[in-house]
Structure formats: C-alpha cells, structure tokens
N, C-alpha and C. Protein backbone atom coordinates (compact mmCIF):
# COMPACT_ATOMS: atom_id res chain seq x y z
N MET A 1 108.20 -7.32 -67.36
CA MET A 1 107.67 -6.71 -66.16
C MET A 1 106.50 -5.80 -66.53
N ILE A 2 105.41 -5.96 -65.82
CA ILE A 2 104.21 -5.16 -66.07
C ILE A 2 104.23 -3.95 -65.14
N GLN A 3 104.03 -2.79 -65.74
CA GLN A 3 103.95 -1.58 -64.94
C GLN A 3 102.50 -1.12 -64.93
N THR A 4 102.03 -0.78 -63.77
CA THR A 4 100.67 -0.27 -63.68
C THR A 4 100.72 1.18 -63.23
N ARG A 5 99.74 1.90 -63.63
CA ARG A 5 99.64 3.30 -63.26
C ARG A 5 98.72 3.41 -62.03
N THR A 6 99.22 4.01 -61.00
CA THR A 6 98.43 4.18 -59.78
C THR A 6 97.37 5.24 -60.02
N GLN A 7 96.12 4.88 -59.75
CA GLN A 7 95.04 5.85 -59.87
C GLN A 7 95.04 6.75 -58.65
N THR A 8 94.72 8.00 -58.90
CA THR A 8 94.66 8.95 -57.80
C THR A 8 93.30 9.63 -57.78
N TYR A 9 92.98 10.18 -56.64
CA TYR A 9 91.72 10.87 -56.41
C TYR A 9 91.77 12.25 -57.08
N ALA A 10 90.70 12.61 -57.74
CA ALA A 10 90.65 13.88 -58.48
C ALA A 10 90.54 15.09 -57.56
N GLY A 11 89.99 14.92 -56.39
CA GLY A 11 89.81 16.04 -55.46
C GLY A 11 88.33 16.25 -55.17
N VAL A 12 88.04 16.69 -53.96
CA VAL A 12 86.64 16.86 -53.55
C VAL A 12 85.93 17.86 -54.46
N ASP A 13 86.64 18.81 -55.00
CA ASP A 13 86.03 19.81 -55.87
C ASP A 13 85.78 19.29 -57.29
N GLN A 14 86.27 18.09 -57.59
CA GLN A 14 86.10 17.50 -58.92
C GLN A 14 85.20 16.27 -58.90
N GLU A 15 84.64 15.95 -57.76
CA GLU A 15 83.81 14.74 -57.60
C GLU A 15 82.48 14.84 -58.33
N ASP A 16 81.94 13.66 -58.65
CA ASP A 16 80.55 13.58 -59.07
C ASP A 16 79.70 14.10 -57.91
N ASN A 17 78.54 14.57 -58.21
CA ASN A 17 77.64 15.11 -57.18
C ASN A 17 78.24 16.28 -56.41
N HIS A 18 79.22 16.93 -57.02
CA HIS A 18 79.80 18.16 -56.48
C HIS A 18 80.30 18.01 -55.05
N GLY A 19 80.89 16.87 -54.76
CA GLY A 19 81.47 16.62 -53.45
C GLY A 19 80.50 16.14 -52.40
N MET A 20 79.26 15.89 -52.79
CA MET A 20 78.25 15.42 -51.83
C MET A 20 78.26 13.89 -51.80
N THR A 21 79.40 13.34 -51.44
CA THR A 21 79.61 11.90 -51.36
C THR A 21 80.22 11.57 -50.00
N LEU A 22 80.32 10.30 -49.70
CA LEU A 22 80.96 9.89 -48.46
C LEU A 22 82.40 10.41 -48.41
N THR A 23 83.12 10.27 -49.50
CA THR A 23 84.50 10.74 -49.53
C THR A 23 84.56 12.24 -49.30
N GLY A 24 83.66 12.98 -49.94
CA GLY A 24 83.62 14.42 -49.73
C GLY A 24 83.36 14.78 -48.28
N ARG A 25 82.44 14.07 -47.65
CA ARG A 25 82.13 14.33 -46.25
C ARG A 25 83.34 14.05 -45.37
N ILE A 26 84.03 12.96 -45.65
CA ILE A 26 85.22 12.61 -44.85
C ILE A 26 86.28 13.69 -44.99
N ILE A 27 86.49 14.18 -46.20
CA ILE A 27 87.49 15.24 -46.40
C ILE A 27 87.08 16.50 -45.65
N ARG A 28 85.81 16.88 -45.74
CA ARG A 28 85.36 18.07 -45.00
C ARG A 28 85.49 17.86 -43.49
N ASP A 29 85.20 16.66 -43.01
CA ASP A 29 85.38 16.39 -41.58
C ASP A 29 86.86 16.46 -41.21
N ALA A 30 87.74 16.05 -42.10
CA ALA A 30 89.18 16.18 -41.85
C ALA A 30 89.56 17.65 -41.70
N TRP A 31 88.90 18.53 -42.45
CA TRP A 31 89.12 19.98 -42.28
C TRP A 31 88.65 20.41 -40.90
N VAL A 32 87.46 19.93 -40.50
CA VAL A 32 86.89 20.30 -39.21
C VAL A 32 87.87 19.98 -38.09
N PHE A 33 88.45 18.80 -38.12
CA PHE A 33 89.33 18.35 -37.05
C PHE A 33 90.78 18.76 -37.24
N GLY A 34 91.10 19.47 -38.32
CA GLY A 34 92.47 19.92 -38.55
C GLY A 34 93.41 18.82 -38.98
N ILE A 35 92.87 17.73 -39.50
CA ILE A 35 93.72 16.62 -39.96
C ILE A 35 94.42 17.01 -41.25
N VAL A 36 93.71 17.71 -42.11
CA VAL A 36 94.31 18.33 -43.30
C VAL A 36 93.84 19.78 -43.30
N PRO A 37 94.62 20.68 -43.89
CA PRO A 37 94.24 22.09 -43.90
C PRO A 37 92.91 22.31 -44.63
N GLU A 38 92.10 23.20 -44.10
CA GLU A 38 90.83 23.52 -44.75
C GLU A 38 91.09 23.98 -46.18
N GLY A 39 90.32 23.42 -47.09
CA GLY A 39 90.48 23.74 -48.50
C GLY A 39 91.36 22.76 -49.26
N ASN A 40 92.12 21.93 -48.55
CA ASN A 40 92.92 20.90 -49.21
C ASN A 40 91.95 19.90 -49.81
N THR A 41 91.91 19.79 -51.13
CA THR A 41 90.93 18.95 -51.82
C THR A 41 91.31 17.47 -51.81
N PHE A 42 92.50 17.15 -51.39
CA PHE A 42 93.03 15.79 -51.35
C PHE A 42 93.29 15.25 -52.76
N ALA A 43 93.37 16.15 -53.73
CA ALA A 43 93.66 15.76 -55.11
C ALA A 43 95.02 15.09 -55.20
N GLY A 44 95.09 14.06 -56.05
CA GLY A 44 96.34 13.37 -56.29
C GLY A 44 96.67 12.29 -55.28
N LYS A 45 95.81 12.09 -54.30
CA LYS A 45 96.06 11.06 -53.29
C LYS A 45 95.58 9.70 -53.77
N THR A 46 96.19 8.68 -53.23
CA THR A 46 95.87 7.30 -53.63
C THR A 46 94.76 6.73 -52.75
N ALA A 47 94.28 5.56 -53.13
CA ALA A 47 93.27 4.87 -52.33
C ALA A 47 93.79 4.61 -50.92
N GLY A 48 95.05 4.29 -50.80
CA GLY A 48 95.65 4.08 -49.47
C GLY A 48 95.64 5.35 -48.64
N ASP A 49 95.93 6.48 -49.27
CA ASP A 49 95.87 7.77 -48.57
C ASP A 49 94.46 8.05 -48.09
N LEU A 50 93.47 7.77 -48.95
CA LEU A 50 92.07 7.98 -48.57
C LEU A 50 91.67 7.07 -47.41
N GLN A 51 92.11 5.81 -47.45
CA GLN A 51 91.81 4.88 -46.36
C GLN A 51 92.39 5.38 -45.05
N ASN A 52 93.64 5.86 -45.10
CA ASN A 52 94.26 6.40 -43.88
C ASN A 52 93.50 7.62 -43.37
N LEU A 53 93.05 8.48 -44.28
CA LEU A 53 92.27 9.64 -43.87
C LEU A 53 90.95 9.22 -43.24
N PHE A 54 90.27 8.24 -43.85
CA PHE A 54 89.02 7.74 -43.29
C PHE A 54 89.24 7.28 -41.85
N GLU A 55 90.32 6.55 -41.62
CA GLU A 55 90.61 6.03 -40.28
C GLU A 55 90.90 7.15 -39.30
N GLN A 56 91.66 8.16 -39.72
CA GLN A 56 91.97 9.29 -38.85
C GLN A 56 90.71 10.07 -38.48
N VAL A 57 89.85 10.29 -39.46
CA VAL A 57 88.61 11.02 -39.21
C VAL A 57 87.71 10.21 -38.27
N HIS A 58 87.62 8.91 -38.51
CA HIS A 58 86.81 8.07 -37.62
C HIS A 58 87.31 8.18 -36.18
N GLN A 59 88.62 8.13 -36.00
CA GLN A 59 89.20 8.26 -34.65
C GLN A 59 88.89 9.62 -34.04
N ALA A 60 88.95 10.67 -34.86
CA ALA A 60 88.67 12.02 -34.36
C ALA A 60 87.22 12.15 -33.89
N TRP A 61 86.31 11.44 -34.55
CA TRP A 61 84.90 11.49 -34.18
C TRP A 61 84.58 10.67 -32.93
N GLU A 62 85.38 9.66 -32.62
CA GLU A 62 85.06 8.73 -31.54
C GLU A 62 84.69 9.39 -30.21
N PRO A 63 85.41 10.41 -29.74
CA PRO A 63 85.03 11.01 -28.45
C PRO A 63 83.65 11.68 -28.47
N TYR A 64 83.14 11.93 -29.66
CA TYR A 64 81.87 12.63 -29.81
C TYR A 64 80.75 11.71 -30.31
N GLY A 65 81.00 10.42 -30.29
CA GLY A 65 80.00 9.46 -30.69
C GLY A 65 79.55 9.61 -32.14
N GLN A 66 80.43 10.17 -32.97
CA GLN A 66 80.14 10.40 -34.39
C GLN A 66 78.98 11.37 -34.60
N LEU A 67 78.66 12.20 -33.60
CA LEU A 67 77.52 13.10 -33.66
C LEU A 67 77.96 14.57 -33.61
N PRO A 68 77.62 15.34 -34.63
CA PRO A 68 77.96 16.77 -34.60
C PRO A 68 77.40 17.49 -33.38
N SER A 69 76.25 17.06 -32.87
CA SER A 69 75.64 17.71 -31.71
C SER A 69 76.49 17.57 -30.45
N ARG A 70 77.42 16.67 -30.44
CA ARG A 70 78.28 16.46 -29.27
C ARG A 70 79.63 17.17 -29.39
N LEU A 71 79.86 17.85 -30.50
CA LEU A 71 81.12 18.56 -30.68
C LEU A 71 81.18 19.76 -29.75
N PRO A 72 82.39 20.10 -29.28
CA PRO A 72 82.52 21.34 -28.49
C PRO A 72 82.21 22.54 -29.40
N PRO A 73 81.86 23.68 -28.81
CA PRO A 73 81.39 24.82 -29.61
C PRO A 73 82.27 25.21 -30.80
N GLU A 74 83.57 25.28 -30.61
CA GLU A 74 84.45 25.69 -31.72
C GLU A 74 84.37 24.70 -32.88
N LEU A 75 84.44 23.41 -32.59
CA LEU A 75 84.34 22.41 -33.64
C LEU A 75 82.94 22.37 -34.25
N ALA A 76 81.93 22.55 -33.42
CA ALA A 76 80.55 22.54 -33.92
C ALA A 76 80.34 23.68 -34.92
N GLU A 77 80.86 24.86 -34.61
CA GLU A 77 80.74 26.01 -35.51
C GLU A 77 81.48 25.74 -36.81
N ARG A 78 82.69 25.21 -36.70
CA ARG A 78 83.49 24.91 -37.89
C ARG A 78 82.78 23.86 -38.75
N HIS A 79 82.26 22.83 -38.10
CA HIS A 79 81.55 21.77 -38.81
C HIS A 79 80.34 22.35 -39.55
N ALA A 80 79.53 23.14 -38.86
CA ALA A 80 78.34 23.73 -39.47
C ALA A 80 78.71 24.62 -40.66
N ARG A 81 79.74 25.44 -40.49
CA ARG A 81 80.16 26.35 -41.55
C ARG A 81 80.68 25.60 -42.77
N ILE A 82 81.57 24.66 -42.55
CA ILE A 82 82.19 23.93 -43.66
C ILE A 82 81.14 23.14 -44.44
N HIS A 83 80.28 22.44 -43.73
CA HIS A 83 79.29 21.62 -44.42
C HIS A 83 78.19 22.47 -45.07
N ALA A 84 77.82 23.58 -44.44
CA ALA A 84 76.83 24.48 -45.07
C ALA A 84 77.38 25.09 -46.35
N GLN A 85 78.65 25.49 -46.32
CA GLN A 85 79.27 26.04 -47.53
C GLN A 85 79.33 25.00 -48.64
N ALA A 86 79.61 23.75 -48.29
CA ALA A 86 79.67 22.68 -49.28
C ALA A 86 78.32 22.45 -49.92
N VAL A 87 77.27 22.43 -49.10
CA VAL A 87 75.91 22.23 -49.63
C VAL A 87 75.53 23.40 -50.54
N GLU A 88 75.80 24.60 -50.10
CA GLU A 88 75.47 25.80 -50.88
C GLU A 88 76.20 25.77 -52.23
N SER A 89 77.47 25.45 -52.20
CA SER A 89 78.27 25.38 -53.43
C SER A 89 77.76 24.28 -54.36
N ALA A 90 77.45 23.12 -53.80
CA ALA A 90 76.96 22.00 -54.61
C ALA A 90 75.61 22.33 -55.24
N LYS A 91 74.73 22.97 -54.48
CA LYS A 91 73.43 23.37 -55.03
C LYS A 91 73.61 24.37 -56.16
N ALA A 92 74.53 25.32 -56.00
CA ALA A 92 74.79 26.32 -57.03
C ALA A 92 75.32 25.67 -58.30
N ALA A 93 75.99 24.52 -58.14
CA ALA A 93 76.55 23.80 -59.28
C ALA A 93 75.57 22.79 -59.88
N GLY A 94 74.34 22.72 -59.31
CA GLY A 94 73.33 21.85 -59.89
C GLY A 94 72.98 20.61 -59.09
N TRP A 95 73.61 20.41 -57.96
CA TRP A 95 73.31 19.24 -57.14
C TRP A 95 71.98 19.46 -56.44
N SER A 96 71.21 18.39 -56.27
CA SER A 96 69.94 18.45 -55.56
C SER A 96 69.95 17.43 -54.43
N ALA A 97 69.48 17.86 -53.28
CA ALA A 97 69.40 16.96 -52.12
C ALA A 97 68.20 16.04 -52.20
N GLU A 98 67.32 16.26 -53.16
CA GLU A 98 66.13 15.43 -53.31
C GLU A 98 66.52 14.02 -53.70
N LEU A 99 65.85 13.05 -53.11
CA LEU A 99 66.09 11.65 -53.47
C LEU A 99 65.52 11.40 -54.85
N GLY A 100 66.22 10.58 -55.62
CA GLY A 100 65.74 10.23 -56.95
C GLY A 100 64.54 9.30 -56.87
N ASP A 101 63.78 9.27 -57.92
CA ASP A 101 62.61 8.39 -58.00
C ASP A 101 63.07 7.07 -58.60
N ASP A 102 63.00 6.01 -57.82
CA ASP A 102 63.49 4.71 -58.27
C ASP A 102 62.45 3.88 -58.99
N ASP A 103 61.28 4.43 -59.30
CA ASP A 103 60.23 3.66 -59.98
C ASP A 103 60.61 3.32 -61.40
C-alpha cells in the first residue's frame, strides 16, 4: 500500500510575493466577508479547503458584481483597510507592484 503525504498551504503570511497572489487576495476577501476570522492565515489547509474557500468567497461577491465599489459602506471600509494593510506590509517586506520587464 502506498501512502502519500497530503500537501498543505503554508499560510498567506508565508507566500511568495508576500501574499500578493490570487490565493492571498481570496483569503483577505474571506476576512472581509467574515467567512474566516480576520488574521486567519489559512495555514495547514489542503487544496480542497482552498477550493471550498474560493467558492464561498465567489458566492459572497456575487451580489456586488465582484466589484469593491458596490460593497455596502461597512464592507467597503473593511475591504479597503484589509487590502491596504496587506499592500503596505508586502511593500515593507520587499514586494513591488511594478510589472517586471519581460524583454
């Protein structure tokens, strides 16, 4: 019998690009909508857990057309704060929003 080791997610705070990835954005949006507690890095979760989270976040965005500008004031403030803090933290850790030169 072959046993395999299930890979788990390291956590948004341990990601490449300092959490400035699609997965990082989904986790932060999950905080915005209260799907997971703010600050929960999702460390130790499996690919299936991440897929379920992606689906829950997508559903949460549906009434707002996936647009932050359509969020009600409380959610809009939370979204702006959470994502601004993430960008600030990532920049402090060396991340740059500049596009790379593909030449």
